[in-house]
Protein backbone atom coordinates (compact mmCIF):
# COMPACT_ATOMS: atom_id res chain seq x y z
CA MET A 1 -0.10 -0.08 0.22
CA TYR A 2 2.01 3.21 1.32
CA LYS A 3 4.76 1.65 3.22
CA ALA A 4 7.38 2.04 1.06
CA HIS A 5 6.22 5.65 -0.19
CA PHE A 6 6.51 6.57 3.68
CA GLY A 7 9.56 4.20 4.14
CA LEU A 8 7.61 2.16 6.54
CA ARG A 9 8.20 -1.41 7.88
CA GLU A 10 4.91 -2.11 8.88
CA LEU A 11 1.37 -0.38 9.02
CA PRO A 12 1.52 1.83 11.72
CA PHE A 13 -2.37 2.52 12.41
CA GLY A 14 -3.78 -0.73 12.85
CA ILE A 15 -6.66 -1.36 15.32
CA THR A 16 -5.86 -4.79 16.45
CA PRO A 17 -3.93 -4.50 19.63
CA ASP A 18 -0.47 -4.66 19.20
CA THR A 19 1.51 -4.37 22.46
CA SER A 20 4.52 -3.33 20.46
CA PHE A 21 2.77 -0.18 19.96
CA PHE A 22 1.78 0.47 23.33
CA PHE A 23 2.14 4.21 24.60
CA ALA A 24 2.90 5.28 27.65
CA CYS A 25 1.88 8.75 28.28
CA THR A 26 0.36 9.58 31.53
CA ASN A 27 -3.25 8.23 31.82
CA TYR A 28 -1.95 4.67 30.30
CA GLN A 29 1.06 4.37 32.34
CA GLU A 30 -1.04 5.18 35.54
CA ALA A 31 -3.83 2.47 34.28
CA LEU A 32 -0.61 -0.09 33.86
CA ASN A 33 0.80 0.77 37.31
CA THR A 34 -2.56 0.65 39.08
CA LEU A 35 -3.08 -3.01 37.64
CA ILE A 36 0.43 -3.85 38.48
CA VAL A 37 0.46 -2.46 41.88
CA ALA A 38 -3.34 -4.51 42.67
CA THR A 39 -1.92 -7.71 41.42
CA SER A 40 1.26 -7.78 43.53
CA GLN A 41 -0.83 -6.60 46.68
CA GLY A 42 -3.36 -10.12 45.75
CA GLU A 43 -6.47 -7.98 45.77
CA GLY A 44 -9.45 -9.99 44.78
CA PHE A 45 -11.40 -7.12 42.22
CA ILE A 46 -9.54 -4.59 40.20
CA LYS A 47 -11.83 -2.66 37.62
CA ILE A 48 -10.70 -0.85 34.49
CA THR A 49 -13.25 1.41 32.89
CA GLY A 50 -13.16 3.50 29.76
CA GLU A 51 -15.11 4.51 26.74
CA VAL A 52 -15.41 2.42 23.29
CA GLY A 53 -12.09 2.97 21.80
CA VAL A 54 -9.93 4.10 24.15
CA GLY A 55 -7.55 1.08 24.44
CA LYS A 56 -8.56 -0.92 26.95
CA THR A 57 -8.09 -4.52 25.34
CA LEU A 58 -4.69 -2.86 24.49
CA LEU A 59 -3.59 -2.26 27.98
CA CYS A 60 -5.12 -5.64 29.20
CA ARG A 61 -2.59 -6.95 26.59
CA LYS A 62 0.36 -4.97 27.73
CA PHE A 63 -0.63 -5.55 31.39
CA MET A 64 -0.47 -9.53 30.63
CA SER A 65 2.83 -9.34 29.10
CA THR A 66 4.34 -7.58 32.13
CA LEU A 67 3.38 -10.10 34.32
CA ASP A 68 6.41 -12.65 36.13
CA LYS A 69 6.45 -16.06 35.05
CA ASP A 70 5.04 -16.86 38.81
CA VAL A 71 1.57 -15.57 37.56
CA VAL A 72 -0.83 -17.52 35.52
CA THR A 73 -3.02 -15.96 33.15
CA ALA A 74 -6.64 -16.55 31.97
CA TYR A 75 -8.04 -14.30 29.52
CA LEU A 76 -11.94 -14.00 28.38
CA PRO A 77 -12.20 -11.50 25.77
CA ASN A 78 -16.11 -11.76 25.80
CA PRO A 79 -17.72 -12.50 29.02
CA LEU A 80 -21.35 -12.40 27.86
CA LEU A 81 -21.96 -15.93 29.16
CA GLU A 82 -24.08 -17.56 31.59
CA PRO A 83 -22.60 -18.54 35.09
CA ARG A 84 -21.71 -22.09 34.38
CA THR A 85 -20.67 -21.47 30.90
CA LEU A 86 -18.06 -18.62 32.34
CA MET A 87 -16.84 -21.30 34.77
CA LEU A 88 -16.04 -23.58 32.27
CA ALA A 89 -14.25 -21.11 30.04
CA LEU A 90 -12.05 -19.97 33.19
CA ALA A 91 -11.43 -24.35 33.52
CA ASP A 92 -10.61 -24.25 29.94
CA GLU A 93 -8.04 -21.22 30.60
CA LEU A 94 -6.45 -22.97 33.61
CA GLU A 95 -6.48 -26.43 31.45
CA ILE A 96 -8.71 -28.38 33.86
CA PRO A 97 -10.04 -31.04 31.90
CA GLN A 98 -14.01 -31.25 32.19
CA ASP A 99 -16.78 -33.20 30.90
CA GLN A 100 -19.35 -30.36 29.34
CA ASN A 101 -22.07 -31.85 31.35
CA VAL A 102 -20.19 -31.61 34.45
CA ASP A 103 -22.51 -29.56 36.94
CA GLN A 104 -21.85 -26.12 38.50
CA HIS A 105 -20.71 -27.38 41.73
CA GLN A 106 -18.48 -29.93 40.78
CA LEU A 107 -16.90 -27.23 38.39
CA LEU A 108 -16.65 -24.97 41.55
CA LYS A 109 -14.60 -27.80 42.97
CA ALA A 110 -12.52 -28.56 40.20
CA ILE A 111 -11.37 -25.07 39.57
CA ASN A 112 -10.60 -24.53 43.65
CA TYR A 113 -8.44 -27.59 43.39
CA ARG A 114 -6.61 -26.35 40.49
CA LEU A 115 -5.83 -23.27 42.31
CA LEU A 116 -4.68 -24.72 45.18
CA LEU A 117 -2.12 -26.81 43.56
CA LEU A 118 -1.08 -23.78 41.65
CA ALA A 119 -1.11 -21.53 44.90
CA HIS A 120 0.97 -24.59 46.32
CA GLU A 121 3.55 -24.09 43.34
CA GLY A 122 4.01 -20.50 44.32
CA LYS A 123 1.94 -19.04 41.52
CA ARG A 124 -0.69 -16.46 41.46
CA VAL A 125 -3.51 -16.67 38.92
CA VAL A 126 -5.47 -13.48 37.33
CA PHE A 127 -8.50 -13.69 35.43
CA CYS A 128 -8.49 -10.76 33.35
CA LEU A 129 -12.22 -10.19 31.57
CA ASP A 130 -12.58 -7.97 28.59
CA GLU A 131 -15.78 -6.07 27.58
CA ALA A 132 -16.72 -6.71 31.29
CA GLN A 133 -20.14 -4.76 31.25
CA ALA A 134 -21.93 -7.08 28.93
CA MET A 135 -22.07 -9.92 31.73
CA PRO A 136 -25.03 -10.60 32.97
CA LEU A 137 -26.10 -10.01 36.92
CA GLU A 138 -26.31 -13.70 37.54
CA THR A 139 -22.46 -13.92 35.88
CA LEU A 140 -21.22 -11.04 37.95
CA GLU A 141 -22.52 -12.56 41.04
CA ALA A 142 -20.70 -15.78 40.02
CA LEU A 143 -17.16 -14.18 39.68
CA ARG A 144 -17.70 -13.05 43.41
CA LEU A 145 -18.15 -16.61 44.41
CA LEU A 146 -14.92 -17.26 42.67
CA THR A 147 -13.28 -15.18 44.80
CA ASN A 148 -14.42 -16.26 47.69
CA LEU A 149 -11.45 -19.25 46.84
CA GLU A 150 -9.10 -18.47 49.10
CA THR A 151 -6.75 -19.59 51.80
CA GLU A 152 -5.51 -18.06 55.01
CA LYS A 153 -3.27 -16.22 53.99
CA ARG A 154 -4.52 -14.69 50.73
CA LYS A 155 -7.17 -14.91 47.38
CA LEU A 156 -6.59 -17.92 44.93
CA LEU A 157 -7.89 -15.83 42.27
CA GLN A 158 -7.56 -12.25 41.38
CA ILE A 159 -10.40 -10.71 38.60
CA VAL A 160 -9.22 -8.09 36.69
CA MET A 161 -12.30 -6.06 34.79
CA PHE A 162 -12.34 -4.06 31.64
CA GLY A 163 -15.47 -2.70 30.77
CA GLN A 164 -17.09 0.49 29.21
CA PRO A 165 -18.95 2.97 31.69
CA GLU A 166 -21.99 1.29 31.66
CA LEU A 167 -20.67 -1.37 34.06
CA ASP A 168 -20.09 1.11 36.71
CA ARG A 169 -23.81 1.61 36.74
CA LYS A 170 -24.32 -2.22 36.55
CA LEU A 171 -22.29 -2.45 39.67
CA GLU A 172 -24.60 -0.20 41.22
CA GLN A 173 -27.32 -2.25 41.11
CA GLU A 174 -28.54 -3.37 44.72
CA ALA A 175 -28.59 -7.01 43.80
CA ILE A 176 -24.71 -7.30 43.30
CA ARG A 177 -23.61 -4.65 46.10
CA GLN A 178 -21.60 -7.13 47.36
CA LEU A 179 -19.22 -7.46 44.42
CA ASN A 180 -19.32 -3.67 44.14
CA GLN A 181 -17.82 -3.42 48.10
CA ARG A 182 -14.78 -5.90 46.64
CA VAL A 183 -13.67 -3.78 44.06
CA THR A 184 -10.32 -2.40 45.83
CA PHE A 185 -8.69 -0.71 42.89
CA HIS A 186 -10.40 1.30 39.72
CA TYR A 187 -8.85 3.15 37.33
CA HIS A 188 -11.05 5.35 34.45
CA LEU A 189 -9.22 5.35 31.17
CA GLY A 190 -9.75 8.78 29.09
CA PRO A 191 -8.66 9.61 25.92
CA LEU A 192 -5.43 11.39 24.57
CA SER A 193 -4.90 14.96 25.46
CA ARG A 194 -3.88 17.27 21.98
CA GLU A 195 -0.21 17.04 23.30
CA ASP A 196 -0.40 13.37 23.76
CA LEU A 197 -1.65 12.58 20.51
CA GLU A 198 1.19 14.20 18.61
CA TYR A 199 3.49 11.81 20.67
CA TYR A 200 1.29 8.96 19.95
CA VAL A 201 1.12 9.39 16.06
CA SER A 202 5.32 10.09 16.21
CA HIS A 203 5.64 7.09 18.27
CA ARG A 204 3.44 4.65 16.18
CA LEU A 205 5.17 6.01 13.13
CA SER A 206 8.65 5.22 14.44
CA VAL A 207 7.56 1.72 15.89
CA ALA A 208 6.62 1.06 12.27
CA GLY A 209 9.89 2.06 11.06
CA TYR A 210 9.74 5.60 10.21
CA ALA A 211 12.59 7.89 10.46
CA GLY A 212 12.47 10.65 8.21
CA GLY A 213 11.07 14.47 9.15
CA ARG A 214 7.51 15.21 10.75
CA LEU A 215 5.04 13.04 8.55
CA PHE A 216 1.42 14.79 9.69
CA ASP A 217 1.82 18.63 10.00
CA ARG A 218 0.61 20.58 12.38
CA GLY A 219 -2.48 21.23 10.89
CA ALA A 220 -3.32 17.96 10.26
CA ILE A 221 -2.36 17.17 14.05
CA ARG A 222 -4.85 19.58 14.75
CA ALA A 223 -7.49 18.11 12.67
CA LEU A 224 -6.90 14.69 13.92
CA TYR A 225 -7.44 16.08 17.27
CA ALA A 226 -10.32 17.50 16.05
CA ALA A 227 -12.04 14.51 14.54
CA SER A 228 -11.18 11.72 17.22
CA GLY A 229 -11.50 13.56 20.35
CA GLY A 230 -8.29 12.06 21.05
CA MET A 231 -10.09 8.43 20.93
CA PRO A 232 -6.76 6.29 19.78
CA ARG A 233 -8.97 3.68 17.69
CA LEU A 234 -10.30 6.55 15.79
CA VAL A 235 -7.64 8.44 15.30
CA ASN A 236 -5.94 5.07 14.10
CA VAL A 237 -8.71 5.23 11.68
CA LEU A 238 -8.22 8.55 10.52
CA ALA A 239 -4.34 8.41 10.36
CA HIS A 240 -4.53 5.31 8.32
CA LYS A 241 -7.05 6.87 5.68
CA ALA A 242 -5.16 10.22 5.52
CA LEU A 243 -1.75 8.44 4.70
CA MET A 244 -3.75 6.67 2.08
CA LEU A 245 -4.94 9.71 0.38
CA ALA A 246 -1.46 11.73 0.64
CA TYR A 247 0.13 8.21 -0.57
CA GLY A 248 -2.78 8.67 -3.69
CA GLN A 249 -2.05 12.05 -3.95
CA GLY A 250 2.01 11.42 -4.43
CA LYS A 251 2.75 13.85 -0.81
CA GLN A 252 5.24 12.86 1.15
CA GLN A 253 3.82 15.04 3.90
CA VAL A 254 -0.23 14.32 5.17
CA ALA A 255 -1.74 17.72 5.53
CA ALA A 256 -5.06 19.07 7.25
CA ARG A 257 -7.24 18.58 4.23
CA HIS A 258 -6.58 14.71 4.12
CA VAL A 259 -7.44 14.45 7.72
CA LYS A 260 -10.59 15.75 7.02
CA ALA A 261 -11.13 14.05 3.91
CA ALA A 262 -10.82 10.70 6.06
CA ALA A 263 -13.39 12.31 8.65
CA ARG A 264 -15.97 12.89 6.00
CA ASP A 265 -15.69 9.36 4.90
CA THR A 266 -16.06 8.30 8.96
CA GLY A 267 -19.18 7.99 10.75
CA ALA A 268 -17.91 8.30 14.27
CA ALA A 269 -15.70 11.12 13.42
CA HIS A 270 -18.70 12.88 12.23
CA LYS A 271 -20.34 12.44 15.68
CA ILE A 272 -17.53 13.54 17.38
CA GLY A 273 -16.84 16.59 15.04
CA TRP A 274 -20.40 17.69 15.52
CA LYS A 275 -20.31 17.59 19.35
CA TRP A 276 -17.11 19.74 19.05
CA ALA A 277 -18.68 22.01 16.98
CA TRP A 278 -21.86 22.53 18.94
CA ALA A 279 -19.62 22.99 22.18
CA ALA A 280 -17.50 25.63 20.00
CA GLY A 281 -20.79 27.32 19.62
CA ALA A 282 -22.13 27.32 22.57
CA VAL A 283 -18.71 28.82 24.34
CA ALA A 284 -18.84 31.45 21.66
CA LEU A 285 -22.79 31.99 22.53
CA LEU A 286 -22.13 32.36 26.05
CA ALA A 287 -19.00 34.75 25.28
CA ALA A 288 -20.91 36.85 22.92
CA GLY A 289 -23.88 37.03 25.75
CA SER A 290 -21.06 38.21 28.34
CA SER A 291 -19.94 40.88 26.41
CA VAL A 292 -23.58 42.23 25.89
CA ALA A 293 -24.70 41.98 29.43
CA TRP A 294 -21.01 43.58 30.32
CA ALA A 295 -21.64 46.29 28.08
CA PHE A 296 -25.51 46.58 29.61
CA LEU A 297 -24.04 46.88 32.94
CA ARG A 298 -21.64 49.37 32.17
């Protein structure tokens, strides 16, 4: 595509969660530090929330890749499951052979036995659930039961939930208040700031092998931030399309017009752009109203 044109080894703005592209700006590093500290202390429940496209899955993958060899990880990308199926998925991740017809009580006993064996070997087990906001209430309650598995010294299983803000609202429901009380660490992952976005783009280009001068001019960066709101997934989509447009025109640098054209072709960018335009208009109206009021009072 455009790799040779811009001197790249690989495409820099893919939307798959490739940990080699992890960008450790302030909020992402803080979120990662929260996860590392919480798991080192053996806490039962840890929660990371953030809007769609903010990079929760990439953070989850990066977190798991940083864990020591004495930590066994189980990962579930889609926990929209009934309680028994969730436990079967955990058993599968922990390499526990099970009959598909096993009842939930026997399944829980098998998981407990496996966790005890791993603890005896000096290993800790961390269960990471992505898209946790999709879990039914009864499945969330089953998670709470899993954290009851413990020795006199520590929990046998730590659970890390990654989810959209809807997860917070779900956990506030009376039916699962006991689980909500067990969430000891929480971090809300926000979008990139304007400054971080510029470094983010530069970082991904560098990882992809780019060694030239500024590839996205300052106008392009401003347009990219305005159209994406700093959401990494949307930044990636727009930057990729902008590079394609610049390549198609034989240009060696991406300009604002390329990003704006990419935004017009991207539905999510339209919505964010409209919100930003509305907010800017509202601020302008308020400023104008204040000026009129001040003139009148004088």
